Amino acid sequence: MTVKVEMYTSANCAYCVAAKNLMKRKGLDYEEIRIDTDPARREEMLARSHNRRSVPQIFINGAHIGGFEELAAADHSGKLAQMIGSAQSA
């Protein structure tokens, strides 16, 4: 199974840039969903993230990870590698 990463972002967002850079370092492709250019996508993000309004909001294989801080914590703890590994080996 391929790892599917969806990232809700907006322009001029340092945490969004940091999250995208982390994904690139991990060799992961991601779908960037810009909420600042498409209000409907903002509403979609709010519904999927339980009304979290900050960006980025990151989903891996449909599971809500959270923002950059949660992504970085998952990377540091090894949880991100487990999520990626289990998806890639399935």
PDB file of N, CA and C in Angstrom:
ATOM      1  N   MET A   1       0.844  -1.179   0.000  1.00  0.00           N
ATOM      2  CA  MET A   1       0.000   0.000   0.000  1.00  0.00           C
ATOM      3  C   MET A   1       0.885   1.237   0.000  1.00  0.00           C
ATOM      4  N   THR A   2       0.510   2.202  -0.779  1.00  0.00           N
ATOM      5  CA  THR A   2       1.243   3.456  -0.840  1.00  0.00           C
ATOM      6  C   THR A   2       0.830   4.347   0.321  1.00  0.00           C
ATOM      7  N   VAL A   3       1.775   5.096   0.839  1.00  0.00           N
ATOM      8  CA  VAL A   3       1.483   6.054   1.901  1.00  0.00           C
ATOM      9  C   VAL A   3       0.830   7.276   1.271  1.00  0.00           C
ATOM     10  N   LYS A   4      -0.342   7.641   1.781  1.00  0.00           N
ATOM     11  CA  LYS A   4      -1.043   8.820   1.278  1.00  0.00           C
ATOM     12  C   LYS A   4      -0.966   9.908   2.341  1.00  0.00           C
ATOM     13  N   VAL A   5      -0.287  10.997   1.995  1.00  0.00           N
ATOM     14  CA  VAL A   5      -0.146  12.129   2.908  1.00  0.00           C
ATOM     15  C   VAL A   5      -0.906  13.310   2.330  1.00  0.00           C
ATOM     16  N   GLU A   6      -1.802  13.861   3.132  1.00  0.00           N
ATOM     17  CA  GLU A   6      -2.542  15.063   2.753  1.00  0.00           C
ATOM     18  C   GLU A   6      -2.176  16.150   3.753  1.00  0.00           C
ATOM     19  N   MET A   7      -1.866  17.325   3.246  1.00  0.00           N
ATOM     20  CA  MET A   7      -1.440  18.416   4.108  1.00  0.00           C
ATOM     21  C   MET A   7      -2.203  19.683   3.739  1.00  0.00           C
ATOM     22  N   TYR A   8      -3.016  20.150   4.673  1.00  0.00           N
ATOM     23  CA  TYR A   8      -3.728  21.415   4.484  1.00  0.00           C
ATOM     24  C   TYR A   8      -2.775  22.535   4.873  1.00  0.00           C
ATOM     25  N   THR A   9      -2.578  23.494   3.970  1.00  0.00           N
ATOM     26  CA  THR A   9      -1.599  24.555   4.175  1.00  0.00           C
ATOM     27  C   THR A   9      -2.162  25.902   3.739  1.00  0.00           C
ATOM     28  N   SER A  10      -1.378  26.936   3.999  1.00  0.00           N
ATOM     29  CA  SER A  10      -1.664  28.268   3.461  1.00  0.00           C
ATOM     30  C   SER A  10      -0.330  28.939   3.153  1.00  0.00           C
ATOM     31  N   ALA A  11      -0.405  30.026   2.405  1.00  0.00           N
ATOM     32  CA  ALA A  11       0.809  30.763   2.038  1.00  0.00           C
ATOM     33  C   ALA A  11       1.414  31.420   3.282  1.00  0.00           C
ATOM     34  N   ASN A  12       2.702  31.652   3.227  1.00  0.00           N
ATOM     35  CA  ASN A  12       3.419  32.367   4.287  1.00  0.00           C
ATOM     36  C   ASN A  12       3.266  31.715   5.658  1.00  0.00           C
ATOM     37  N   CYS A  13       3.344  30.414   5.694  1.00  0.00           N
ATOM     38  CA  CYS A  13       3.183  29.654   6.932  1.00  0.00           C
ATOM     39  C   CYS A  13       4.484  28.897   7.197  1.00  0.00           C
ATOM     40  N   ALA A  14       5.227  29.344   8.198  1.00  0.00           N
ATOM     41  CA  ALA A  14       6.524  28.724   8.501  1.00  0.00           C
ATOM     42  C   ALA A  14       6.370  27.261   8.923  1.00  0.00           C
ATOM     43  N   TYR A  15       5.330  26.944   9.684  1.00  0.00           N
ATOM     44  CA  TYR A  15       5.121  25.558  10.097  1.00  0.00           C
ATOM     45  C   TYR A  15       4.779  24.663   8.904  1.00  0.00           C
ATOM     46  N   CYS A  16       4.074  25.233   7.922  1.00  0.00           N
ATOM     47  CA  CYS A  16       3.763  24.473   6.704  1.00  0.00           C
ATOM     48  C   CYS A  16       5.049  24.135   5.956  1.00  0.00           C
ATOM     49  N   VAL A  17       5.928  25.115   5.841  1.00  0.00           N
ATOM     50  CA  VAL A  17       7.213  24.896   5.170  1.00  0.00           C
ATOM     51  C   VAL A  17       8.011  23.836   5.918  1.00  0.00           C
ATOM     52  N   ALA A  18       8.029  23.918   7.246  1.00  0.00           N
ATOM     53  CA  ALA A  18       8.769  22.940   8.046  1.00  0.00           C
ATOM     54  C   ALA A  18       8.199  21.534   7.848  1.00  0.00           C
ATOM     55  N   ALA A  19       6.877  21.414   7.813  1.00  0.00           N
ATOM     56  CA  ALA A  19       6.248  20.101   7.614  1.00  0.00           C
ATOM     57  C   ALA A  19       6.571  19.550   6.229  1.00  0.00           C
ATOM     58  N   LYS A  20       6.515  20.401   5.219  1.00  0.00           N
ATOM     59  CA  LYS A  20       6.842  19.955   3.858  1.00  0.00           C
ATOM     60  C   LYS A  20       8.301  19.523   3.775  1.00  0.00           C
ATOM     61  N   ASN A  21       9.188  20.246   4.435  1.00  0.00           N
ATOM     62  CA  ASN A  21      10.604  19.875   4.435  1.00  0.00           C
ATOM     63  C   ASN A  21      10.829  18.538   5.133  1.00  0.00           C
ATOM     64  N   LEU A  22      10.129  18.299   6.230  1.00  0.00           N
ATOM     65  CA  LEU A  22      10.257  17.018   6.926  1.00  0.00           C
ATOM     66  C   LEU A  22       9.793  15.882   6.016  1.00  0.00           C
ATOM     67  N   MET A  23       8.688  16.082   5.326  1.00  0.00           N
ATOM     68  CA  MET A  23       8.194  15.053   4.398  1.00  0.00           C
ATOM     69  C   MET A  23       9.201  14.789   3.285  1.00  0.00           C
ATOM     70  N   LYS A  24       9.797  15.842   2.767  1.00  0.00           N
ATOM     71  CA  LYS A  24      10.805  15.676   1.712  1.00  0.00           C
ATOM     72  C   LYS A  24      12.007  14.898   2.232  1.00  0.00           C
ATOM     73  N   ARG A  25      12.458  15.211   3.457  1.00  0.00           N
ATOM     74  CA  ARG A  25      13.596  14.484   4.046  1.00  0.00           C
ATOM     75  C   ARG A  25      13.283  13.003   4.216  1.00  0.00           C
ATOM     76  N   LYS A  26      12.025  12.697   4.492  1.00  0.00           N
ATOM     77  CA  LYS A  26      11.600  11.305   4.658  1.00  0.00           C
ATOM     78  C   LYS A  26      11.336  10.622   3.319  1.00  0.00           C
ATOM     79  N   GLY A  27      11.398  11.389   2.232  1.00  0.00           N
ATOM     80  CA  GLY A  27      11.144  10.821   0.912  1.00  0.00           C
ATOM     81  C   GLY A  27       9.675  10.565   0.638  1.00  0.00           C
ATOM     82  N   LEU A  28       8.805  11.306   1.318  1.00  0.00           N
ATOM     83  CA  LEU A  28       7.368  11.103   1.169  1.00  0.00           C
ATOM     84  C   LEU A  28       6.755  12.160   0.265  1.00  0.00           C
ATOM     85  N   ASP A  29       5.973  11.703  -0.680  1.00  0.00           N
ATOM     86  CA  ASP A  29       5.179  12.621  -1.490  1.00  0.00           C
ATOM     87  C   ASP A  29       3.954  13.003  -0.676  1.00  0.00           C
ATOM     88  N   TYR A  30       3.420  14.175  -0.946  1.00  0.00           N
ATOM     89  CA  TYR A  30       2.231  14.616  -0.231  1.00  0.00           C
ATOM     90  C   TYR A  30       1.366  15.445  -1.166  1.00  0.00           C
ATOM     91  N   GLU A  31       0.086  15.458  -0.847  1.00  0.00           N
ATOM     92  CA  GLU A  31      -0.855  16.319  -1.560  1.00  0.00           C
ATOM     93  C   GLU A  31      -1.010  17.581  -0.728  1.00  0.00           C
ATOM     94  N   GLU A  32      -0.666  18.709  -1.306  1.00  0.00           N
ATOM     95  CA  GLU A  32      -0.825  19.984  -0.609  1.00  0.00           C
ATOM     96  C   GLU A  32      -2.193  20.557  -0.955  1.00  0.00           C
ATOM     97  N   ILE A  33      -2.961  20.852   0.076  1.00  0.00           N
ATOM     98  CA  ILE A  33      -4.307  21.397  -0.093  1.00  0.00           C
ATOM     99  C   ILE A  33      -4.297  22.803   0.493  1.00  0.00           C
ATOM    100  N   ARG A  34      -4.353  23.793  -0.375  1.00  0.00           N
ATOM    101  CA  ARG A  34      -4.273  25.200   0.048  1.00  0.00           C
ATOM    102  C   ARG A  34      -5.642  25.694   0.502  1.00  0.00           C
ATOM    103  N   ILE A  35      -5.767  26.018   1.775  1.00  0.00           N
ATOM    104  CA  ILE A  35      -7.047  26.496   2.287  1.00  0.00           C
ATOM    105  C   ILE A  35      -7.224  28.000   2.106  1.00  0.00           C
ATOM    106  N   ASP A  36      -6.138  28.711   1.827  1.00  0.00           N
ATOM    107  CA  ASP A  36      -6.254  30.159   1.652  1.00  0.00           C
ATOM    108  C   ASP A  36      -6.776  30.527   0.267  1.00  0.00           C
ATOM    109  N   THR A  37      -6.727  29.611  -0.660  1.00  0.00           N
ATOM    110  CA  THR A  37      -7.210  29.888  -2.017  1.00  0.00           C
ATOM    111  C   THR A  37      -8.540  29.201  -2.321  1.00  0.00           C
ATOM    112  N   ASP A  38      -9.004  28.341  -1.415  1.00  0.00           N
ATOM    113  CA  ASP A  38     -10.246  27.602  -1.650  1.00  0.00           C
ATOM    114  C   ASP A  38     -11.019  27.459  -0.335  1.00  0.00           C
ATOM    115  N   PRO A  39     -11.995  28.345  -0.088  1.00  0.00           N
ATOM    116  CA  PRO A  39     -12.745  28.304   1.170  1.00  0.00           C
ATOM    117  C   PRO A  39     -13.425  26.960   1.442  1.00  0.00           C
ATOM    118  N   ALA A  40     -13.839  26.260   0.414  1.00  0.00           N
ATOM    119  CA  ALA A  40     -14.474  24.952   0.619  1.00  0.00           C
ATOM    120  C   ALA A  40     -13.491  23.967   1.232  1.00  0.00           C
ATOM    121  N   ARG A  41     -12.240  24.063   0.853  1.00  0.00           N
ATOM    122  CA  ARG A  41     -11.220  23.159   1.414  1.00  0.00           C
ATOM    123  C   ARG A  41     -10.952  23.488   2.878  1.00  0.00           C
ATOM    124  N   ARG A  42     -11.091  24.777   3.263  1.00  0.00           N
ATOM    125  CA  ARG A  42     -10.958  25.161   4.675  1.00  0.00           C
ATOM    126  C   ARG A  42     -12.045  24.464   5.496  1.00  0.00           C
ATOM    127  N   GLU A  43     -13.268  24.494   4.994  1.00  0.00           N
ATOM    128  CA  GLU A  43     -14.376  23.835   5.691  1.00  0.00           C
ATOM    129  C   GLU A  43     -14.133  22.329   5.788  1.00  0.00           C
ATOM    130  N   GLU A  44     -13.601  21.752   4.724  1.00  0.00           N
ATOM    131  CA  GLU A  44     -13.260  20.329   4.722  1.00  0.00           C
ATOM    132  C   GLU A  44     -12.225  20.035   5.804  1.00  0.00           C
ATOM    133  N   MET A  45     -11.192  20.883   5.899  1.00  0.00           N
ATOM    134  CA  MET A  45     -10.147  20.710   6.911  1.00  0.00           C
ATOM    135  C   MET A  45     -10.738  20.779   8.311  1.00  0.00           C
ATOM    136  N   LEU A  46     -11.603  21.758   8.557  1.00  0.00           N
ATOM    137  CA  LEU A  46     -12.214  21.906   9.877  1.00  0.00           C
ATOM    138  C   LEU A  46     -13.005  20.659  10.254  1.00  0.00           C
ATOM    139  N   ALA A  47     -13.757  20.127   9.312  1.00  0.00           N
ATOM    140  CA  ALA A  47     -14.552  18.926   9.581  1.00  0.00           C
ATOM    141  C   ALA A  47     -13.658  17.725   9.874  1.00  0.00           C
ATOM    142  N   ARG A  48     -12.617  17.555   9.105  1.00  0.00           N
ATOM    143  CA  ARG A  48     -11.740  16.387   9.263  1.00  0.00           C
ATOM    144  C   ARG A  48     -10.862  16.470  10.500  1.00  0.00           C
ATOM    145  N   SER A  49     -10.505  17.691  10.910  1.00  0.00           N
ATOM    146  CA  SER A  49      -9.561  17.866  12.023  1.00  0.00           C
ATOM    147  C   SER A  49     -10.256  18.211  13.336  1.00  0.00           C
ATOM    148  N   HIS A  50     -11.561  18.026  13.397  1.00  0.00           N
ATOM    149  CA  HIS A  50     -12.332  18.335  14.606  1.00  0.00           C
ATOM    150  C   HIS A  50     -12.181  19.802  14.998  1.00  0.00           C
ATOM    151  N   ASN A  51     -12.357  20.673  13.994  1.00  0.00           N
ATOM    152  CA  ASN A  51     -12.356  22.134  14.149  1.00  0.00           C
ATOM    153  C   ASN A  51     -11.008  22.748  14.507  1.00  0.00           C
ATOM    154  N   ARG A  52      -9.933  22.076  14.205  1.00  0.00           N
ATOM    155  CA  ARG A  52      -8.617  22.707  14.386  1.00  0.00           C
ATOM    156  C   ARG A  52      -8.420  23.686  13.245  1.00  0.00           C
ATOM    157  N   ARG A  53      -8.119  24.920  13.593  1.00  0.00           N
ATOM    158  CA  ARG A  53      -8.053  26.003  12.614  1.00  0.00           C
ATOM    159  C   ARG A  53      -6.637  26.328  12.149  1.00  0.00           C
ATOM    160  N   SER A  54      -5.647  25.845  12.855  1.00  0.00           N
ATOM    161  CA  SER A  54      -4.263  26.170  12.497  1.00  0.00           C
ATOM    162  C   SER A  54      -3.787  25.292  11.343  1.00  0.00           C
ATOM    163  N   VAL A  55      -2.814  25.802  10.621  1.00  0.00           N
ATOM    164  CA  VAL A  55      -2.183  25.021   9.559  1.00  0.00           C
ATOM    165  C   VAL A  55      -0.712  24.856   9.896  1.00  0.00           C
ATOM    166  N   PRO A  56      -0.119  23.771   9.440  1.00  0.00           N
ATOM    167  CA  PRO A  56      -0.728  22.720   8.630  1.00  0.00           C
ATOM    168  C   PRO A  56      -1.584  21.781   9.479  1.00  0.00           C
ATOM    169  N   GLN A  57      -2.483  21.091   8.814  1.00  0.00           N
ATOM    170  CA  GLN A  57      -3.174  19.935   9.377  1.00  0.00           C
ATOM    171  C   GLN A  57      -2.811  18.777   8.465  1.00  0.00           C
ATOM    172  N   ILE A  58      -2.283  17.727   9.069  1.00  0.00           N
ATOM    173  CA  ILE A  58      -1.672  16.637   8.309  1.00  0.00           C
ATOM    174  C   ILE A  58      -2.419  15.332   8.565  1.00  0.00           C
ATOM    175  N   PHE A  59      -2.657  14.612   7.477  1.00  0.00           N
ATOM    176  CA  PHE A  59      -3.314  13.311   7.528  1.00  0.00           C
ATOM    177  C   PHE A  59      -2.432  12.304   6.801  1.00  0.00           C
ATOM    178  N   ILE A  60      -2.224  11.150   7.420  1.00  0.00           N
ATOM    179  CA  ILE A  60      -1.473  10.072   6.783  1.00  0.00           C
ATOM    180  C   ILE A  60      -2.402   8.871   6.694  1.00  0.00           C
ATOM    181  N   ASN A  61      -2.654   8.442   5.462  1.00  0.00           N
ATOM    182  CA  ASN A  61      -3.593   7.344   5.197  1.00  0.00           C
ATOM    183  C   ASN A  61      -4.929   7.570   5.901  1.00  0.00           C
ATOM    184  N   GLY A  62      -5.381   8.822   5.881  1.00  0.00           N
ATOM    185  CA  GLY A  62      -6.674   9.172   6.453  1.00  0.00           C
ATOM    186  C   GLY A  62      -6.664   9.463   7.936  1.00  0.00           C
ATOM    187  N   ALA A  63      -5.581   9.117   8.623  1.00  0.00           N
ATOM    188  CA  ALA A  63      -5.494   9.360  10.069  1.00  0.00           C
ATOM    189  C   ALA A  63      -4.978  10.773  10.325  1.00  0.00           C
ATOM    190  N   HIS A  64      -5.665  11.493  11.194  1.00  0.00           N
ATOM    191  CA  HIS A  64      -5.263  12.860  11.518  1.00  0.00           C
ATOM    192  C   HIS A  64      -4.046  12.832  12.439  1.00  0.00           C
ATOM    193  N   ILE A  65      -2.956  13.417  11.982  1.00  0.00           N
ATOM    194  CA  ILE A  65      -1.736  13.501  12.771  1.00  0.00           C
ATOM    195  C   ILE A  65      -1.759  14.755  13.627  1.00  0.00           C
ATOM    196  N   GLY A  66      -2.226  15.856  13.052  1.00  0.00           N
ATOM    197  CA  GLY A  66      -2.236  17.151  13.729  1.00  0.00           C
ATOM    198  C   GLY A  66      -1.427  18.136  12.922  1.00  0.00           C
ATOM    199  N   GLY A  67      -0.787  19.051  13.626  1.00  0.00           N
ATOM    200  CA  GLY A  67       0.030  20.061  12.978  1.00  0.00           C
ATOM    201  C   GLY A  67       1.493  19.667  12.929  1.00  0.00           C
ATOM    202  N   PHE A  68       2.344  20.653  12.664  1.00  0.00           N
ATOM    203  CA  PHE A  68       3.764  20.356  12.541  1.00  0.00           C
ATOM    204  C   PHE A  68       4.347  19.813  13.838  1.00  0.00           C
ATOM    205  N   GLU A  69       3.975  20.390  14.975  1.00  0.00           N
ATOM    206  CA  GLU A  69       4.548  19.927  16.242  1.00  0.00           C
ATOM    207  C   GLU A  69       4.235  18.458  16.489  1.00  0.00           C
ATOM    208  N   GLU A  70       3.015  18.036  16.189  1.00  0.00           N
ATOM    209  CA  GLU A  70       2.649  16.628  16.349  1.00  0.00           C
ATOM    210  C   GLU A  70       3.392  15.749  15.349  1.00  0.00           C
ATOM    211  N   LEU A  71       3.561  16.252  14.131  1.00  0.00           N
ATOM    212  CA  LEU A  71       4.316  15.509  13.121  1.00  0.00           C
ATOM    213  C   LEU A  71       5.764  15.329  13.561  1.00  0.00           C
ATOM    214  N   ALA A  72       6.377  16.400  14.054  1.00  0.00           N
ATOM    215  CA  ALA A  72       7.768  16.330  14.512  1.00  0.00           C
ATOM    216  C   ALA A  72       7.897  15.390  15.707  1.00  0.00           C
ATOM    217  N   ALA A  73       6.931  15.420  16.620  1.00  0.00           N
ATOM    218  CA  ALA A  73       6.961  14.520  17.776  1.00  0.00           C
ATOM    219  C   ALA A  73       6.832  13.065  17.326  1.00  0.00           C
ATOM    220  N   ALA A  74       5.957  12.809  16.348  1.00  0.00           N
ATOM    221  CA  ALA A  74       5.798  11.448  15.821  1.00  0.00           C
ATOM    222  C   ALA A  74       7.081  10.985  15.143  1.00  0.00           C
ATOM    223  N   ASP A  75       7.754  11.894  14.471  1.00  0.00           N
ATOM    224  CA  ASP A  75       9.028  11.565  13.832  1.00  0.00           C
ATOM    225  C   ASP A  75      10.071  11.236  14.890  1.00  0.00           C
ATOM    226  N   HIS A  76      10.155  12.062  15.908  1.00  0.00           N
ATOM    227  CA  HIS A  76      11.161  11.883  16.964  1.00  0.00           C
ATOM    228  C   HIS A  76      10.937  10.583  17.752  1.00  0.00           C
ATOM    229  N   SER A  77       9.678  10.244  17.997  1.00  0.00           N
ATOM    230  CA  SER A  77       9.369   9.057  18.801  1.00  0.00           C
ATOM    231  C   SER A  77       9.440   7.751  18.010  1.00  0.00           C
ATOM    232  N   GLY A  78       9.497   7.861  16.686  1.00  0.00           N
ATOM    233  CA  GLY A  78       9.499   6.665  15.852  1.00  0.00           C
ATOM    234  C   GLY A  78       8.111   6.269  15.362  1.00  0.00           C
ATOM    235  N   LYS A  79       7.077   6.945  15.854  1.00  0.00           N
ATOM    236  CA  LYS A  79       5.705   6.620  15.437  1.00  0.00           C
ATOM    237  C   LYS A  79       5.499   6.876  13.951  1.00  0.00           C
ATOM    238  N   LEU A  80       6.104   7.946  13.437  1.00  0.00           N
ATOM    239  CA  LEU A  80       5.966   8.251  12.011  1.00  0.00           C
ATOM    240  C   LEU A  80       6.564   7.128  11.169  1.00  0.00           C
ATOM    241  N   ALA A  81       7.740   6.657  11.547  1.00  0.00           N
ATOM    242  CA  ALA A  81       8.381   5.557  10.811  1.00  0.00           C
ATOM    243  C   ALA A  81       7.514   4.304  10.848  1.00  0.00           C
ATOM    244  N   GLN A  82       6.879   4.041  11.986  1.00  0.00           N
ATOM    245  CA  GLN A  82       5.985   2.884  12.091  1.00  0.00           C
ATOM    246  C   GLN A  82       4.794   3.041  11.157  1.00  0.00           C
ATOM    247  N   MET A  83       4.208   4.240  11.133  1.00  0.00           N
ATOM    248  CA  MET A  83       3.052   4.478  10.265  1.00  0.00           C
ATOM    249  C   MET A  83       3.433   4.305   8.802  1.00  0.00           C
ATOM    250  N   ILE A  84       4.564   4.843   8.437  1.00  0.00           N
ATOM    251  CA  ILE A  84       5.026   4.766   7.054  1.00  0.00           C
ATOM    252  C   ILE A  84       5.381   3.326   6.702  1.00  0.00           C
ATOM    253  N   GLY A  85       6.108   2.678   7.596  1.00  0.00           N
ATOM    254  CA  GLY A  85       6.542   1.311   7.349  1.00  0.00           C
ATOM    255  C   GLY A  85       5.393   0.341   7.226  1.00  0.00           C
ATOM    256  N   SER A  86       4.406   0.466   8.103  1.00  0.00           N
ATOM    257  CA  SER A  86       3.272  -0.459   8.046  1.00  0.00           C
ATOM    258  C   SER A  86       2.449  -0.228   6.788  1.00  0.00           C
ATOM    259  N   ALA A  87       2.368   1.009   6.337  1.00  0.00           N
ATOM    260  CA  ALA A  87       1.620   1.298   5.109  1.00  0.00           C
ATOM    261  C   ALA A  87       2.371   0.791   3.885  1.00  0.00           C
ATOM    262  N   GLN A  88       3.694   0.941   3.892  1.00  0.00           N
ATOM    263  CA  GLN A  88       4.482   0.531   2.734  1.00  0.00           C
ATOM    264  C   GLN A  88       4.581  -0.982   2.619  1.00  0.00           C
ATOM    265  N   SER A  89       4.499  -1.690   3.745  1.00  0.00           N
ATOM    266  CA  SER A  89       4.631  -3.143   3.688  1.00  0.00           C
ATOM    267  C   SER A  89       3.289  -3.843   3.481  1.00  0.00           C
ATOM    268  N   ALA A  90       2.203  -3.086   3.571  1.00  0.00           N
ATOM    269  CA  ALA A  90       0.866  -3.696   3.410  1.00  0.00           C
ATOM    270  C   ALA A  90       0.547  -3.950   1.951  1.00  0.00           C
TER     271      ALA A  90
END
